[in-house]
Amino acid sequence: MKHLVFDMQAAGEMDYKPSRMVVVARQVEAFIREFFDQNPLSQIGIVTLKDGVAHSLTDLGGSPESHIKVLMGKLTSSGDASLQNGLDLVQSLLNQIPTYGHREVLILYSALSTCDPGDIMETIQKCKASKVRCSVIGLSAEVYICKHLCQETGGSYSVALDEVSCICECLNDV
């Protein structure tokens, strides 16, 4: 079971054309379709980070069309991203998965920092203890806490250096 966490804070930036959000949304759409082609029995859920809050856009489900429809309808960015709130939400959702199932999180992170209400190191240790594998694709620059999260949970960390090719490669590597 996999959750996609999509940081909407800096997604409105215009460094990618027409905007970072549109380019990433297109790549996420392609990723979702390919993921379900290769893993027809798997499920994905989508969580967004904006205004310091984590929002569950879609529950875990096996319909690529429903995920894509909801994602494309909610493309707005605002406020700060809270990585801790996102991890807490995803961990609570993934704790329902039996221990023999795969608990994975793929985070697309645009921000250069995180605005957390508590100790994010404690949250990272909870993810590790729950065997939640966290991978991050940085969309702007390398962020220490994201790299640390990946190292602690056995995930992968990469930074997309340009629009389409790098984001697509990073998504395929996860």
Protein backbone atom coordinates (compact mmCIF):
# COMPACT_ATOMS: atom_id res chain seq x y z
CA MET A 1 0.00 0.00 0.00
CA LYS A 2 1.40 3.34 -0.93
CA HIS A 3 0.51 6.90 -0.03
CA LEU A 4 1.55 9.84 -2.17
CA VAL A 5 2.18 13.00 -0.14
CA PHE A 6 2.15 16.11 -2.29
CA ASP A 7 3.55 19.36 -0.82
CA MET A 8 1.51 22.21 -2.24
CA GLN A 9 3.41 25.09 -0.56
CA ALA A 10 5.82 26.07 -3.32
CA ALA A 11 4.02 24.19 -6.04
CA GLY A 12 2.76 27.41 -7.60
CA GLU A 13 6.29 28.55 -8.42
CA MET A 14 6.93 29.28 -12.08
CA ASP A 15 10.39 27.68 -12.36
CA TYR A 16 8.82 24.88 -14.43
CA LYS A 17 6.53 25.90 -17.29
CA PRO A 18 3.58 26.55 -17.08
CA SER A 19 4.00 26.03 -13.30
CA ARG A 20 5.67 23.53 -11.00
CA MET A 21 2.26 22.28 -9.89
CA VAL A 22 1.03 21.53 -13.41
CA VAL A 23 4.25 19.76 -14.43
CA VAL A 24 4.32 17.65 -11.27
CA ALA A 25 0.59 16.84 -11.55
CA ARG A 26 1.14 15.52 -15.08
CA GLN A 27 4.03 13.36 -13.90
CA VAL A 28 2.04 12.09 -10.92
CA GLU A 29 -0.84 11.20 -13.24
CA ALA A 30 1.54 9.17 -15.42
CA PHE A 31 3.05 7.55 -12.31
CA ILE A 32 -0.38 6.53 -10.97
CA ARG A 33 -1.37 4.98 -14.29
CA GLU A 34 1.92 3.08 -14.62
CA PHE A 35 1.82 2.01 -10.96
CA PHE A 36 -1.59 0.38 -11.41
CA ASP A 37 -0.55 -1.19 -14.72
CA GLN A 38 2.37 -2.88 -12.95
CA ASN A 39 0.58 -3.49 -9.61
CA PRO A 40 -3.11 -4.07 -10.36
CA LEU A 41 -3.91 -5.35 -6.85
CA SER A 42 -2.19 -2.49 -5.00
CA GLN A 43 -3.74 0.62 -3.55
CA ILE A 44 -2.73 4.27 -3.41
CA GLY A 45 -3.93 7.15 -1.27
CA ILE A 46 -3.12 10.83 -1.80
CA VAL A 47 -2.33 13.37 0.94
CA THR A 48 -1.56 17.06 0.39
CA LEU A 49 0.39 19.43 2.63
CA LYS A 50 -0.68 23.07 2.71
CA ASP A 51 -1.35 25.77 5.30
CA GLY A 52 0.55 23.68 7.88
CA VAL A 53 -2.06 20.93 7.68
CA ALA A 54 -2.10 17.50 6.03
CA HIS A 55 -5.27 16.78 4.03
CA SER A 56 -6.26 13.29 2.91
CA LEU A 57 -7.44 13.81 -0.68
CA THR A 58 -8.19 10.16 -1.39
CA ASP A 59 -8.40 7.06 0.76
CA LEU A 60 -6.43 3.96 -0.14
CA GLY A 61 -8.00 2.62 -3.30
CA GLY A 62 -7.33 0.74 -6.50
CA SER A 63 -8.96 3.04 -9.05
CA PRO A 64 -6.42 5.21 -10.88
CA GLU A 65 -9.15 7.32 -12.48
CA SER A 66 -10.68 8.33 -9.15
CA HIS A 67 -7.29 9.39 -7.74
CA ILE A 68 -6.41 11.37 -10.86
CA LYS A 69 -9.80 13.09 -10.98
CA VAL A 70 -9.58 14.23 -7.34
CA LEU A 71 -5.93 15.31 -7.68
CA MET A 72 -6.55 17.39 -10.80
CA GLY A 73 -9.53 19.07 -9.14
CA LYS A 74 -7.52 20.20 -6.08
CA LEU A 75 -4.49 21.91 -7.62
CA THR A 76 -4.09 24.91 -5.33
CA SER A 77 -1.11 25.97 -3.26
CA SER A 78 -1.00 28.01 -0.08
CA GLY A 79 0.76 28.36 3.25
CA ASP A 80 3.59 26.37 4.76
CA ALA A 81 4.15 22.64 4.54
CA SER A 82 4.32 20.50 7.68
CA LEU A 83 6.19 17.30 6.99
CA GLN A 84 5.42 16.10 10.52
CA ASN A 85 1.65 16.50 10.11
CA GLY A 86 1.84 14.63 6.80
CA LEU A 87 3.82 11.77 8.32
CA ASP A 88 1.45 11.55 11.30
CA LEU A 89 -1.59 11.37 9.02
CA VAL A 90 -0.07 8.79 6.69
CA GLN A 91 1.21 6.68 9.56
CA SER A 92 -2.26 6.57 11.13
CA LEU A 93 -3.76 5.56 7.77
CA LEU A 94 -1.12 2.90 7.10
CA ASN A 95 -1.35 1.39 10.59
CA GLN A 96 -4.58 -0.24 9.40
CA ILE A 97 -2.52 -2.32 6.95
CA PRO A 98 -1.51 -5.76 8.30
CA THR A 99 2.15 -6.16 9.20
CA TYR A 100 2.75 -8.46 6.23
CA GLY A 101 1.67 -5.68 3.83
CA HIS A 102 4.00 -3.04 2.41
CA ARG A 103 3.68 0.37 4.03
CA GLU A 104 5.21 2.96 1.75
CA VAL A 105 5.07 6.72 1.44
CA LEU A 106 6.27 8.72 -1.55
CA ILE A 107 6.63 12.42 -0.75
CA LEU A 108 6.91 15.05 -3.49
CA TYR A 109 8.38 17.97 -1.55
CA SER A 110 8.57 21.49 -3.00
CA ALA A 111 9.37 23.46 0.15
CA LEU A 112 12.81 24.33 1.44
CA SER A 113 11.76 23.89 5.07
CA THR A 114 9.05 22.34 7.20
CA CYS A 115 6.80 24.09 9.72
CA ASP A 116 6.11 21.44 12.35
CA PRO A 117 4.10 21.62 15.59
CA GLY A 118 6.38 19.22 17.51
CA ASP A 119 9.48 17.07 17.39
CA ILE A 120 9.76 15.67 13.86
CA MET A 121 12.61 13.37 14.93
CA GLU A 122 10.16 11.57 17.22
CA THR A 123 7.72 11.23 14.32
CA ILE A 124 10.46 9.79 12.10
CA GLN A 125 11.25 7.19 14.78
CA LYS A 126 7.53 6.27 14.95
CA CYS A 127 7.53 5.73 11.19
CA LYS A 128 10.63 3.56 11.50
CA ALA A 129 9.08 1.53 14.34
CA SER A 130 5.87 1.05 12.30
CA LYS A 131 7.97 -0.13 9.32
CA VAL A 132 6.74 2.68 7.09
CA ARG A 133 9.22 3.12 4.23
CA CYS A 134 9.44 6.80 3.26
CA SER A 135 10.91 8.04 -0.01
CA VAL A 136 11.18 11.70 -0.99
CA ILE A 137 11.57 13.49 -4.30
CA GLY A 138 12.73 17.04 -3.69
CA LEU A 139 11.40 19.47 -6.27
CA SER A 140 13.57 22.45 -5.40
CA ALA A 141 16.72 21.51 -3.45
CA GLU A 142 18.08 18.94 -1.02
CA VAL A 143 16.50 19.33 2.42
CA TYR A 144 18.32 17.70 5.35
CA ILE A 145 15.24 16.48 7.22
CA CYS A 146 13.90 14.77 4.08
CA LYS A 147 17.20 13.00 3.50
CA HIS A 148 17.34 11.96 7.17
CA LEU A 149 13.77 10.61 6.96
CA CYS A 150 14.70 8.43 3.99
CA GLN A 151 17.88 7.15 5.63
CA GLU A 152 16.06 6.22 8.84
CA THR A 153 13.14 4.44 7.16
CA GLY A 154 15.04 2.72 4.34
CA GLY A 155 13.60 4.86 1.57
CA SER A 156 15.28 6.66 -1.29
CA TYR A 157 15.91 10.37 -1.69
CA SER A 158 16.42 12.27 -4.91
CA VAL A 159 16.15 15.81 -6.17
CA ALA A 160 14.56 16.55 -9.54
CA LEU A 161 16.91 18.92 -11.31
CA ASP A 162 14.74 19.78 -14.31
CA GLU A 163 11.15 19.57 -15.43
CA VAL A 164 10.05 16.38 -17.01
CA SER A 165 12.97 14.02 -17.41
CA CYS A 166 14.24 14.20 -13.85
CA ILE A 167 10.84 14.07 -12.16
CA CYS A 168 9.85 11.14 -14.34
CA GLU A 169 13.14 9.33 -13.64
CA CYS A 170 12.82 9.95 -9.89
CA LEU A 171 9.25 8.62 -9.84
CA ASN A 172 10.28 5.51 -11.75
CA ASP A 173 13.21 4.86 -9.39
CA VAL A 174 10.97 4.70 -6.32
